Protein backbone atom coordinates (compact mmCIF):
# COMPACT_ATOMS: atom_id res chain seq x y z
CA MET A 1 107.03 93.13 110.88
CA LEU A 2 110.13 95.12 109.94
CA SER A 3 112.80 93.79 112.29
CA ARG A 4 115.97 95.29 110.81
CA LEU A 5 116.97 98.05 108.42
CA GLN A 6 120.45 98.43 106.97
CA VAL A 7 121.45 101.43 104.86
CA LYS A 8 124.81 102.14 103.19
CA ASN A 9 125.80 105.20 101.15
CA TYR A 10 122.24 106.53 100.79
CA VAL A 11 122.30 110.35 100.41
CA LEU A 12 123.48 111.58 103.86
CA ILE A 13 123.53 108.14 105.47
CA ASP A 14 126.99 106.57 105.28
CA SER A 15 126.28 103.39 107.19
CA LEU A 16 123.35 102.48 109.34
CA GLU A 17 122.01 99.24 110.81
CA ILE A 18 119.17 99.31 113.28
CA ASP A 19 116.73 96.82 114.79
CA PHE A 20 113.05 97.54 115.44
CA PRO A 21 110.64 95.93 117.94
CA GLU A 22 106.92 95.25 117.62
CA GLY A 23 104.23 97.77 118.51
CA LEU A 24 104.32 101.55 118.12
CA ILE A 25 107.70 103.01 117.19
CA ILE A 26 108.24 106.76 117.41
CA ILE A 27 110.77 108.55 115.22
CA THR A 28 111.59 112.19 115.93
CA GLY A 29 114.31 114.70 115.14
CA GLN A 30 114.95 118.30 114.26
CA THR A 31 113.59 119.60 110.96
CA GLY A 32 116.15 118.73 108.29
CA ALA A 33 117.84 116.07 110.39
CA GLY A 34 117.10 113.39 107.82
CA LYS A 35 113.79 111.77 108.79
CA SER A 36 112.58 112.06 105.22
CA ILE A 37 115.89 110.57 104.02
CA LEU A 38 115.33 107.54 106.22
CA LEU A 39 111.79 107.19 104.88
CA GLY A 40 113.15 107.57 101.34
CA ALA A 41 115.58 104.70 101.92
CA LEU A 42 112.72 102.53 103.11
CA SER A 43 110.61 103.55 100.11
CA LEU A 44 113.52 102.61 97.81
CA VAL A 45 113.78 99.08 99.22
CA MET A 46 110.01 98.79 98.86
CA GLY A 47 110.35 99.32 95.09
CA GLY A 48 110.38 103.12 94.79
CA LYS A 49 112.04 104.93 91.90
CA ALA A 50 115.84 104.72 91.87
CA ASP A 51 118.00 107.75 91.10
CA ALA A 52 121.75 108.34 90.83
CA ALA A 53 121.38 111.24 93.29
CA MET A 54 120.64 108.68 96.01
CA VAL A 55 124.24 107.43 95.99
CA SER A 56 126.41 109.22 98.57
CA GLU A 57 129.24 111.42 97.35
CA GLY A 58 132.33 109.34 96.56
CA ALA A 59 130.53 105.97 96.78
CA ASP A 60 130.08 103.52 93.91
CA ASN A 61 126.61 102.41 94.97
CA CYS A 62 124.08 102.53 97.75
CA VAL A 63 122.49 99.51 99.40
CA VAL A 64 119.28 99.36 101.42
CA GLU A 65 118.27 96.09 103.04
CA ALA A 66 115.13 95.38 105.07
CA GLU A 67 114.51 92.23 107.07
CA PHE A 68 111.00 91.09 108.00
CA ASP A 69 110.02 88.52 110.63
CA GLY A 70 106.68 86.86 111.27
CA VAL A 71 105.65 86.99 107.58
CA ASP A 72 102.63 84.77 106.89
CA ASN A 73 102.34 82.11 104.18
CA GLU A 74 100.16 84.26 101.89
CA LEU A 75 103.36 85.50 100.25
CA LYS A 76 104.61 81.98 99.63
CA GLY A 77 102.71 81.53 96.35
CA LEU A 78 103.94 84.85 94.98
CA LEU A 79 107.54 84.05 95.89
CA GLU A 80 107.38 80.53 94.43
CA GLU A 81 105.96 81.91 91.18
CA ASN A 82 109.09 84.05 90.87
CA ASP A 83 111.56 81.31 91.88
CA VAL A 84 112.38 82.95 95.20
CA GLU A 85 113.52 80.69 98.02
CA TRP A 86 111.17 80.86 100.98
CA GLU A 87 112.06 80.56 104.62
CA ASP A 88 108.94 80.40 106.76
CA GLY A 89 108.33 83.70 108.47
CA HIS A 90 111.62 85.30 107.37
CA LEU A 91 112.18 87.62 104.43
CA ILE A 92 115.08 89.85 103.37
CA ILE A 93 114.58 92.50 100.69
CA ARG A 94 117.59 94.35 99.24
CA ARG A 95 117.92 97.14 96.67
CA VAL A 96 121.25 98.23 95.15
CA VAL A 97 121.60 101.45 93.14
CA ASN A 98 124.83 102.20 91.26
CA ARG A 99 126.36 105.53 90.31
CA SER A 100 124.57 105.58 86.92
CA GLY A 101 121.17 105.28 88.60
CA ARG A 102 120.55 101.68 87.53
CA SER A 103 119.29 99.40 90.26
CA ARG A 104 119.00 95.72 91.14
CA ALA A 105 116.47 94.13 93.48
CA PHE A 106 116.75 90.96 95.55
CA VAL A 107 114.35 88.97 97.71
CA ASN A 108 116.07 86.39 99.92
CA ASP A 109 119.18 86.89 97.75
CA SER A 110 117.27 85.93 94.58
CA PRO A 111 117.31 88.64 91.88
CA VAL A 112 113.81 89.84 90.99
CA PRO A 113 112.28 92.57 88.78
CA VAL A 114 111.31 95.77 90.61
CA THR A 115 107.65 95.00 89.84
CA VAL A 116 107.91 91.80 91.87
CA LEU A 117 109.64 93.71 94.67
CA GLN A 118 106.78 96.23 94.69
CA ASP A 119 104.20 93.44 94.78
CA VAL A 120 105.93 91.76 97.72
CA ALA A 121 106.45 95.05 99.58
CA SER A 122 102.81 96.12 99.12
CA ARG A 123 101.83 93.15 101.30
CA LEU A 124 104.32 94.00 104.02
CA VAL A 125 104.31 97.77 104.57
CA ASP A 126 101.88 100.62 104.08
CA ILE A 127 103.63 104.01 104.02
CA HIS A 128 101.52 107.08 104.67
CA SER A 129 103.52 110.08 103.47
CA GLN A 130 102.92 113.71 104.42
CA HIS A 131 101.05 114.34 101.18
CA GLN A 132 98.93 111.19 101.15
CA THR A 133 95.88 113.11 102.33
CA LEU A 134 95.61 113.96 98.62
CA LEU A 135 94.31 110.39 98.24
CA LEU A 136 91.08 111.60 99.81
CA SER A 137 90.26 113.12 96.41
CA ASP A 138 91.23 109.88 94.61
CA LYS A 139 88.07 107.95 93.69
CA GLN A 140 90.01 104.71 93.33
CA PHE A 141 91.40 105.04 96.86
CA GLN A 142 87.96 105.78 98.26
CA LEU A 143 86.51 102.73 96.52
CA SER A 144 89.41 100.58 97.79
CA VAL A 145 88.84 101.67 101.39
CA LEU A 146 85.14 100.81 101.21
CA ASP A 147 85.91 97.43 99.62
CA HIS A 148 88.38 96.61 102.39
CA TYR A 149 85.72 97.39 104.96
CA ALA A 150 83.08 95.37 103.10
CA GLY A 151 85.40 92.37 102.68
CA ASN A 152 85.02 92.38 98.91
CA ALA A 153 88.41 90.83 98.13
CA GLU A 154 87.01 87.66 96.52
CA LEU A 155 84.27 89.52 94.65
CA LEU A 156 86.84 92.02 93.36
CA GLU A 157 89.22 89.27 92.28
CA GLU A 158 86.49 87.50 90.30
CA CYS A 159 85.27 90.79 88.81
CA ALA A 160 88.79 91.72 87.74
CA ARG A 161 89.29 88.26 86.20
CA LEU A 162 86.07 88.52 84.17
CA TRP A 163 87.00 92.06 83.15
CA ARG A 164 90.40 90.92 81.88
CA GLU A 165 88.81 88.01 80.04
CA SER A 166 86.27 90.31 78.38
CA LEU A 167 89.00 92.72 77.28
CA ALA A 168 91.05 89.84 75.86
CA MET A 169 88.01 88.51 74.00
CA LYS A 170 87.15 91.95 72.63
CA SER A 171 90.72 92.37 71.40
CA GLU A 172 90.73 88.94 69.77
CA LEU A 173 87.31 89.55 68.20
CA SER A 174 88.49 92.89 66.83
CA LYS A 175 91.47 91.19 65.20
CA LEU A 176 89.27 88.46 63.74
CA GLU A 177 86.78 90.96 62.35
CA ALA A 178 89.58 93.03 60.83
CA ARG A 179 91.02 89.92 59.19
CA ILE A 180 87.60 88.85 57.89
CA ALA A 181 87.01 92.36 56.50
CA ARG A 182 90.41 92.35 54.81
CA ILE A 183 89.75 88.96 53.24
CA ALA A 184 86.29 90.09 52.13
CA SER A 185 87.64 93.27 50.54
CA ASP A 186 90.27 91.26 48.66
CA ARG A 187 88.06 88.27 47.94
CA ASP A 188 87.32 88.97 44.26
CA TYR A 189 90.97 89.70 43.55
CA ASN A 190 92.17 86.65 45.49
CA GLU A 191 89.65 84.39 43.77
CA ALA A 192 90.83 85.57 40.34
CA GLN A 193 94.45 85.02 41.35
CA PHE A 194 93.70 81.57 42.71
CA ARG A 195 91.70 80.50 39.65
CA GLN A 196 94.53 81.56 37.34
CA LEU A 197 97.14 79.67 39.37
CA ASP A 198 94.88 76.65 39.87
CA ALA A 199 94.09 76.46 36.13
CA ALA A 200 97.83 76.43 35.38
CA SER A 201 98.10 72.96 37.04
CA LEU A 202 101.63 73.71 38.15
CA ARG A 203 104.08 71.09 39.32
CA GLU A 204 107.61 71.46 40.64
CA GLY A 205 110.42 70.86 38.11
CA GLU A 206 108.17 71.31 35.11
CA LEU A 207 109.91 74.43 33.84
CA ALA A 208 113.31 72.74 33.69
CA GLU A 209 111.80 69.88 31.69
CA LEU A 210 110.10 72.31 29.31
CA GLU A 211 113.28 74.27 28.81
CA GLU A 212 115.17 71.08 27.87
CA GLU A 213 112.42 69.97 25.49
CA GLN A 214 112.24 73.43 23.93
CA LYS A 215 115.96 73.35 23.18
CA GLN A 216 115.60 69.98 21.48
CA LEU A 217 112.57 71.03 19.43
CA ALA A 218 114.10 74.36 18.44
CA ASN A 219 117.28 72.63 17.26
CA ALA A 220 115.74 69.36 16.04
CA GLU A 221 117.05 69.69 12.46
CA GLU A 222 120.61 70.30 13.59
CA ILE A 223 120.42 67.48 16.15
CA LYS A 224 119.00 65.01 13.60
CA SER A 225 121.63 65.94 11.03
CA GLY A 226 124.39 65.32 13.56
CA LEU A 227 123.00 61.98 14.66
CA CYS A 228 122.61 60.82 11.04
CA ALA A 229 126.22 61.77 10.39
CA VAL A 230 127.31 59.66 13.35
CA GLU A 231 125.41 56.70 11.90
CA GLU A 232 127.11 57.24 8.58
CA TYR A 233 130.49 57.36 10.25
CA PHE A 234 129.89 53.81 11.30
CA THR A 235 129.86 52.83 7.61
CA ALA A 236 132.75 52.85 5.19
CA SER A 237 133.04 52.46 1.42
CA SER A 238 135.44 50.04 -0.31
CA SER A 239 137.20 50.84 -3.52
CA SER A 240 134.60 48.80 -5.28
CA GLY A 241 131.91 51.06 -3.86
CA GLU A 242 130.48 48.49 -1.55
CA ALA A 243 129.68 49.76 1.90
CA LEU A 244 131.45 48.06 4.76
CA SER A 245 130.18 48.78 8.27
CA VAL A 246 132.56 49.59 11.09
CA ASP A 247 131.32 46.47 12.79
CA SER A 248 132.14 44.33 9.76
CA ALA A 249 135.51 45.99 9.38
CA LEU A 250 136.37 45.28 12.97
CA LYS A 251 135.08 41.72 12.70
CA GLU A 252 137.27 41.03 9.66
CA SER A 253 140.22 42.70 11.38
CA GLY A 254 139.75 40.42 14.35
CA LYS A 255 139.74 37.35 12.14
CA MET A 256 142.93 38.42 10.42
CA LEU A 257 144.67 39.06 13.75
CA SER A 258 143.56 35.64 14.99
CA LYS A 259 145.27 34.05 11.98
CA VAL A 260 148.38 36.12 12.52
CA ALA A 261 148.38 34.98 16.15
CA ARG A 262 149.50 31.56 14.99
CA TYR A 263 152.76 33.21 14.17
CA ILE A 264 152.75 36.20 16.55
CA PRO A 265 151.15 35.34 19.90
CA ASN A 266 150.63 39.00 20.87
CA ALA A 267 148.23 39.41 17.98
CA SER A 268 145.69 37.36 19.92
CA GLU A 269 145.42 40.08 22.56
CA LEU A 270 144.84 42.70 19.87
CA ALA A 271 142.09 40.54 18.40
CA SER A 272 140.37 40.46 21.82
CA ARG A 273 140.62 44.24 22.20
CA ILE A 274 139.09 44.75 18.74
CA ASP A 275 136.26 42.44 19.74
CA SER A 276 135.58 44.55 22.87
CA CYS A 277 135.62 47.79 20.84
CA ARG A 278 133.19 46.25 18.38
CA CYS A 279 130.74 45.42 21.17
CA GLU A 280 131.02 48.95 22.66
CA LEU A 281 130.53 50.55 19.24
CA ASP A 282 127.47 48.40 18.62
CA ASP A 283 125.95 49.75 21.85
CA ILE A 284 126.82 53.34 20.91
CA LEU A 285 125.31 52.93 17.47
CA ALA A 286 122.14 51.43 18.94
CA GLU A 287 121.72 54.41 21.35
CA VAL A 288 122.43 56.93 18.59
CA SER A 289 119.84 55.29 16.37
CA ASP A 290 117.30 55.26 19.22
CA MET A 291 118.00 58.91 19.99
CA ASN A 292 117.64 59.80 16.32
CA SER A 293 114.32 58.00 16.09
CA ARG A 294 112.93 59.94 19.05
CA ILE A 295 113.85 63.39 17.81
CA GLU A 296 110.73 65.15 16.56
CA MET A 297 110.68 67.97 14.10
CA SER A 298 107.23 69.26 15.19
CA GLU A 299 106.48 72.95 14.94
CA SER A 300 103.17 72.48 16.76
CA ARG A 301 104.84 70.79 19.76
CA LEU A 302 107.50 73.51 19.86
CA GLU A 303 104.78 76.16 19.90
CA ALA A 304 102.92 74.36 22.70
CA VAL A 305 106.06 74.07 24.82
CA GLU A 306 106.96 77.71 24.34
CA ASP A 307 103.42 78.78 25.19
CA ARG A 308 103.57 76.74 28.40
CA MET A 309 106.94 78.25 29.30
CA SER A 310 105.60 81.73 28.57
CA LEU A 311 102.64 81.11 30.87
CA ILE A 312 104.84 79.95 33.74
CA TYR A 313 107.36 82.78 33.27
CA GLY A 314 104.49 85.27 33.14
CA LEU A 315 103.03 83.97 36.39
CA MET A 316 106.45 84.09 38.06
CA LYS A 317 106.95 87.71 36.99
CA LYS A 318 103.43 88.74 37.96
CA HIS A 319 103.72 87.29 41.46
CA SER A 320 107.44 88.02 41.96
CA CYS A 321 108.28 84.33 42.33
CA THR A 322 111.55 82.64 41.43
CA ASP A 323 110.25 79.16 40.60
CA GLU A 324 107.18 76.95 40.36
CA ALA A 325 107.46 75.99 44.06
CA GLU A 326 106.78 79.60 45.13
CA LEU A 327 103.84 79.82 42.72
CA ILE A 328 102.40 76.62 44.15
CA ALA A 329 102.85 77.95 47.71
CA LEU A 330 101.05 81.17 46.72
CA ARG A 331 98.21 79.19 45.16
CA ASP A 332 97.82 77.13 48.34
CA ARG A 333 97.92 80.24 50.53
CA LEU A 334 95.20 81.91 48.48
CA SER A 335 93.15 78.73 48.73
CA ASN A 336 93.57 78.70 52.51
CA GLU A 337 92.63 82.37 52.81
CA LEU A 338 89.48 81.84 50.76
CA TYR A 339 88.63 78.90 52.98
CA ASP A 340 89.68 80.82 56.12
CA SER A 341 87.01 83.40 55.52
CA THR A 342 84.33 80.86 56.35
CA ARG A 343 86.34 79.35 59.21
CA LEU A 344 87.12 82.75 60.71
CA GLU A 345 83.48 83.79 60.57
CA ASP A 346 82.62 80.65 62.53
CA GLU A 347 85.37 81.48 65.05
CA ALA A 348 84.08 85.05 65.38
CA ALA A 349 80.54 83.80 65.99
CA ASP A 350 81.78 81.45 68.74
CA LEU A 351 83.85 84.22 70.30
CA ARG A 352 80.88 86.60 70.29
CA ALA A 353 78.84 83.99 72.12
CA GLN A 354 81.63 83.50 74.71
CA LEU A 355 81.99 87.27 75.12
CA GLU A 356 78.27 87.65 75.68
CA LYS A 357 78.39 85.02 78.45
CA THR A 358 81.46 86.65 80.04
CA LEU A 359 79.85 90.10 79.96
CA ALA A 360 76.71 88.69 81.52
CA ALA A 361 78.79 87.09 84.30
CA LEU A 362 80.73 90.36 84.72
CA LYS A 363 77.48 92.31 85.03
CA GLN A 364 76.24 89.84 87.64
CA GLN A 365 79.52 90.15 89.58
CA ALA A 366 79.33 93.95 89.42
CA GLU A 367 75.79 93.79 90.83
CA LYS A 368 77.04 91.64 93.73
CA LEU A 369 79.77 94.17 94.42
CA HIS A 370 77.26 97.02 94.30
CA SER A 371 74.99 95.25 96.76
CA SER A 372 77.89 94.54 99.11
CA ARG A 373 79.11 98.14 98.94
CA LEU A 374 75.63 99.53 99.43
CA LYS A 375 75.12 97.30 102.44
CA ALA A 376 78.48 98.26 103.99
CA SER A 377 78.47 101.99 103.20
CA ALA A 378 76.15 103.04 106.03
CA SER A 379 78.04 101.20 108.79
CA PHE A 380 81.35 102.25 107.25
CA ALA A 381 80.31 105.91 107.27
CA GLU A 382 79.07 105.58 110.85
CA SER A 383 82.36 103.99 111.95
CA ILE A 384 84.44 106.76 110.38
CA THR A 385 82.12 109.45 111.75
CA ASN A 386 82.52 108.08 115.29
CA SER A 387 86.29 107.90 114.85
CA ILE A 388 86.49 111.48 113.60
CA ARG A 389 84.26 112.75 116.41
CA SER A 390 86.58 111.09 118.94
CA LEU A 391 89.28 113.39 117.58
CA GLU A 392 87.41 116.54 118.75
CA LEU A 393 85.21 117.07 115.74
CA SER A 394 82.07 116.56 117.80
CA TYR A 395 79.53 117.53 115.16
CA ALA A 396 81.30 116.11 112.12
CA VAL A 397 79.53 113.77 109.75
CA PHE A 398 81.08 111.46 107.19
CA GLU A 399 78.99 109.91 104.44
CA VAL A 400 79.57 107.60 101.50
CA ALA A 401 77.79 108.17 98.20
CA LEU A 402 77.72 105.41 95.57
CA GLN A 403 77.44 106.61 91.99
CA ASP A 404 77.14 104.82 88.66
CA ALA A 405 80.35 104.47 86.66
CA PRO A 406 81.32 102.73 83.41
CA MET A 407 82.10 99.04 83.78
CA SER A 408 85.69 98.35 84.87
CA ALA A 409 87.73 95.79 86.78
CA THR A 410 86.11 97.09 89.99
CA GLY A 411 82.51 96.95 88.76
CA THR A 412 80.15 99.78 87.95
CA ASP A 413 80.46 101.91 91.10
CA SER A 414 82.20 105.17 91.85
CA VAL A 415 82.52 106.28 95.47
CA GLN A 416 82.48 109.77 96.86
CA PHE A 417 83.37 110.59 100.47
CA LEU A 418 81.30 113.46 101.85
CA PHE A 419 82.22 115.45 104.95
CA SER A 420 80.93 118.28 107.06
CA ALA A 421 82.59 119.51 110.23
CA SER A 422 79.36 121.20 111.34
CA GLY A 423 77.15 118.22 110.59
CA ARG A 424 75.13 120.03 107.94
CA ASN A 425 75.20 119.71 104.15
CA PRO A 426 78.20 117.37 103.70
CA VAL A 427 80.09 117.83 100.44
CA ASP A 428 83.09 116.24 98.71
CA VAL A 429 85.72 115.75 101.42
CA SER A 430 88.53 117.13 99.23
CA LYS A 431 86.70 120.43 98.85
CA CYS A 432 85.66 121.25 102.39
CA ALA A 433 88.09 119.82 104.94
CA SER A 434 90.96 121.85 106.42
CA GLY A 435 94.48 120.43 106.80
CA GLY A 436 93.87 119.33 110.39
CA GLU A 437 90.50 117.83 109.48
CA MET A 438 92.06 115.99 106.55
CA SER A 439 94.72 114.52 108.88
CA ARG A 440 92.06 113.26 111.28
CA ILE A 441 89.93 111.82 108.49
CA MET A 442 92.95 110.09 106.98
CA LEU A 443 94.04 108.63 110.32
CA SER A 444 90.51 107.33 110.91
CA LEU A 445 90.55 105.66 107.49
CA LYS A 446 94.01 104.18 108.11
CA ASP A 447 92.89 102.93 111.50
CA MET A 448 89.96 101.18 109.85
CA MET A 449 92.16 99.75 107.06
CA ALA A 450 94.67 98.44 109.61
CA ARG A 451 91.88 96.38 111.14
CA PHE A 452 90.59 94.99 107.85
CA THR A 453 93.71 94.54 105.70
CA ALA A 454 95.98 92.65 108.14
CA MET A 455 98.95 94.74 107.00
CA PRO A 456 101.98 93.73 109.16
CA THR A 457 103.58 97.20 109.25
CA MET A 458 102.25 100.73 108.82
CA ILE A 459 104.31 103.90 108.65
CA PHE A 460 102.89 107.37 109.33
CA ASP A 461 104.96 110.32 108.19
CA GLU A 462 103.60 113.30 110.12
CA ILE A 463 99.95 112.33 109.76
CA ASP A 464 99.39 114.67 112.71
CA THR A 465 100.21 117.75 110.61
CA GLY A 466 97.80 120.58 111.30
CA VAL A 467 96.74 119.46 114.78
CA SER A 468 98.01 120.07 118.32
CA GLY A 469 97.10 119.91 121.98
CA SER A 470 94.42 117.44 123.04
CA VAL A 471 93.65 116.48 119.42
CA ALA A 472 97.27 115.45 118.94
CA ASP A 473 97.06 113.45 122.16
CA LYS A 474 93.96 111.61 120.95
CA MET A 475 95.51 110.95 117.55
CA GLY A 476 98.52 109.57 119.36
CA SER A 477 96.25 107.30 121.39
CA MET A 478 94.58 106.06 118.19
CA ILE A 479 97.96 105.32 116.60
CA CYS A 480 99.04 103.62 119.82
CA GLY A 481 95.91 101.49 119.70
CA MET A 482 96.82 100.41 116.17
CA GLY A 483 100.24 99.42 117.50
CA GLU A 484 98.66 96.83 119.79
CA ASN A 485 97.82 94.64 116.79
CA MET A 486 100.53 95.54 114.31
CA GLN A 487 103.86 97.30 113.98
CA VAL A 488 103.38 101.05 113.55
CA PHE A 489 106.03 103.69 112.84
CA ALA A 490 105.07 107.29 113.60
CA ILE A 491 107.34 110.08 112.37
CA THR A 492 106.16 113.11 114.31
CA HIS A 493 106.95 116.59 115.60
CA LEU A 494 104.27 116.48 118.31
CA PRO A 495 105.28 115.54 121.87
CA GLN A 496 101.77 114.26 122.62
CA VAL A 497 102.22 111.61 119.89
CA ALA A 498 105.90 110.97 120.63
CA ALA A 499 105.09 110.08 124.24
CA LYS A 500 102.81 107.20 123.19
CA GLY A 501 105.33 104.85 121.63
CA LYS A 502 106.79 101.60 122.88
CA ALA A 503 110.19 102.51 121.43
CA HIS A 504 111.57 105.93 120.53
CA TYR A 505 114.26 106.65 117.91
CA VAL A 506 115.80 110.01 117.13
CA VAL A 507 117.34 111.10 113.82
CA THR A 508 120.29 113.50 114.02
CA LYS A 509 122.52 115.23 111.54
CA GLU A 510 126.17 115.93 112.28
CA ILE A 511 129.20 117.22 110.37
CA ASP A 512 131.86 114.58 109.84
CA PRO A 513 135.12 116.16 111.07
CA VAL A 514 137.18 114.23 108.51
CA THR A 515 135.15 114.78 105.33
CA SER A 516 133.24 117.91 106.45
CA ARG A 517 130.11 116.22 105.09
CA ALA A 518 126.73 116.29 106.80
CA VAL A 519 125.83 112.78 107.96
CA SER A 520 122.45 111.57 109.27
CA THR A 521 122.17 108.84 111.90
CA ILE A 522 119.37 107.22 113.89
CA SER A 523 119.58 105.74 117.36
CA ARG A 524 117.21 104.31 119.94
CA LEU A 525 116.71 106.41 123.06
CA SER A 526 116.93 105.16 126.61
CA ASP A 527 114.18 106.11 129.03
CA ASP A 528 116.15 109.12 130.32
CA GLU A 529 117.10 110.23 126.80
CA ARG A 530 113.48 109.93 125.80
CA VAL A 531 112.41 112.32 128.56
CA MET A 532 114.89 114.89 127.28
CA GLU A 533 113.78 114.44 123.63
CA VAL A 534 110.10 114.92 124.49
CA ALA A 535 111.07 117.94 126.63
CA ARG A 536 112.94 119.36 123.64
CA MET A 537 109.85 118.93 121.52
CA LEU A 538 107.84 120.78 124.19
CA SER A 539 110.19 123.71 124.79
CA GLY A 540 112.58 123.99 121.85
CA THR A 541 116.35 124.47 122.06
CA VAL A 542 116.48 125.59 125.71
CA LEU A 543 115.22 122.86 128.02
CA THR A 544 113.31 124.13 131.02
CA ASP A 545 112.53 122.27 134.20
CA ALA A 546 108.85 122.70 133.42
CA ALA A 547 109.30 121.07 130.03
CA ILE A 548 111.18 118.14 131.57
CA GLU A 549 108.46 117.64 134.19
CA ASN A 550 105.80 117.92 131.50
CA ALA A 551 107.68 115.32 129.42
CA LYS A 552 107.82 112.94 132.38
CA SER A 553 104.13 113.47 132.90
CA LEU A 554 103.31 112.71 129.26
CA LEU A 555 105.47 109.59 129.28
CA SER A 556 103.93 108.34 132.51
CA TYR A 557 100.54 108.04 130.80
CA ARG A 558 101.80 105.72 128.06
């Protein structure tokens, strides 16, 4: 139940902290005193839409905090899923709205998204606003009420799960079929592209090798001429015309220096250096000769290399690739896509089979729901009819009509509530009931839901609109009966209802003498104050002795 509400800087409420007991709680006040503001603050902390206009003039933000006691463990799983610390039976929800209209939500001081706050709050409080009788024309609401009565929670959960699975499968199948169709439409083109790339037998680094070979082949004559000249440089001609190799010249020079070393010791070192140079030059000459022998002057090989280079460059340009690696990756991707067509068709066939099974299970679940609803509809209608008749609509009838509807998360049923105040020819409740009749029908439905939903707290905002006298008294008794098993708040203008509550709070609006601002407050009435408030509701501004006695009389029958 809601045990405490704290409000700061919310519209006309500067600061408010109030505790609430169990049972039926009455809230009254003059029109415009701020009852709707108080309800708005509670709606905000329950996850309602935040707005900058909610922040009081001159304040930086507004804060609304609600504390709940006696909360059962059904919420524990939801809170743990969202990393919210859980204290058994105790929950604090807080909403903060800043001047820009942005808001933050907290559950037990843990920040949570507003969607989580709404989910938590929906299991704690049911708020019936003044305009909620419009729900009587909402087919989804009507179906929900019947399902609550029939105890279809598990059937609905399974039906919704199968429905979500079927939608996910249909979406995945649609994507697969689109991909298969795209591959099929491009198959001929992709096959031609793949065959061309596959026939090219590409390998990474090949182009660089070809470019180097092409340079050699294209300049083979110049290269060979240069290498031959180097070989010739290693030979020298004597004056007699006899050729003397560099190696021989160095060898003879070394011998001469060795002889000179007998006279000049340093010449021995020079002889050793010449010997080292001779060995190095021999190696150089051997490599030059080998290089020269390997240089080809082949026009056919040059043509083949240039053709290969032209092919690779052409493929790179055609496919907007920068090197052979990208061409190879493209070839492999095309290969995979051509293979994927077969694989994807197998996947699609498997998915169709799974979808068929899921749809069959969904149809079976929908049939179970239909049977359960059909079975419950007669007793549900009878229960509501009896409840409405107890509110001085003695001849009224209430019926439930099940109609076929397209498959959805709630099955294949649509519900229509039918009503007749005279008991003849019932028609759609939204088209025939007056305001007072709508209030009585809605209260009867809420009374039934309170018994079947185990909602800890229910709030009625002037559900008694359009009724008075003995009808109001009976509606008050019904609301009071609901308060025996749950916490019920009743915001009312009717003294017959106000006299039923266990606790009575009054909302007032006053002008702050310092700021000249209108400020709304709420306070709990003592027994004597309650007599005067009910008397005010009976007589208006001027309290008469008769009204006071009448108020005492009403309160004595609580």
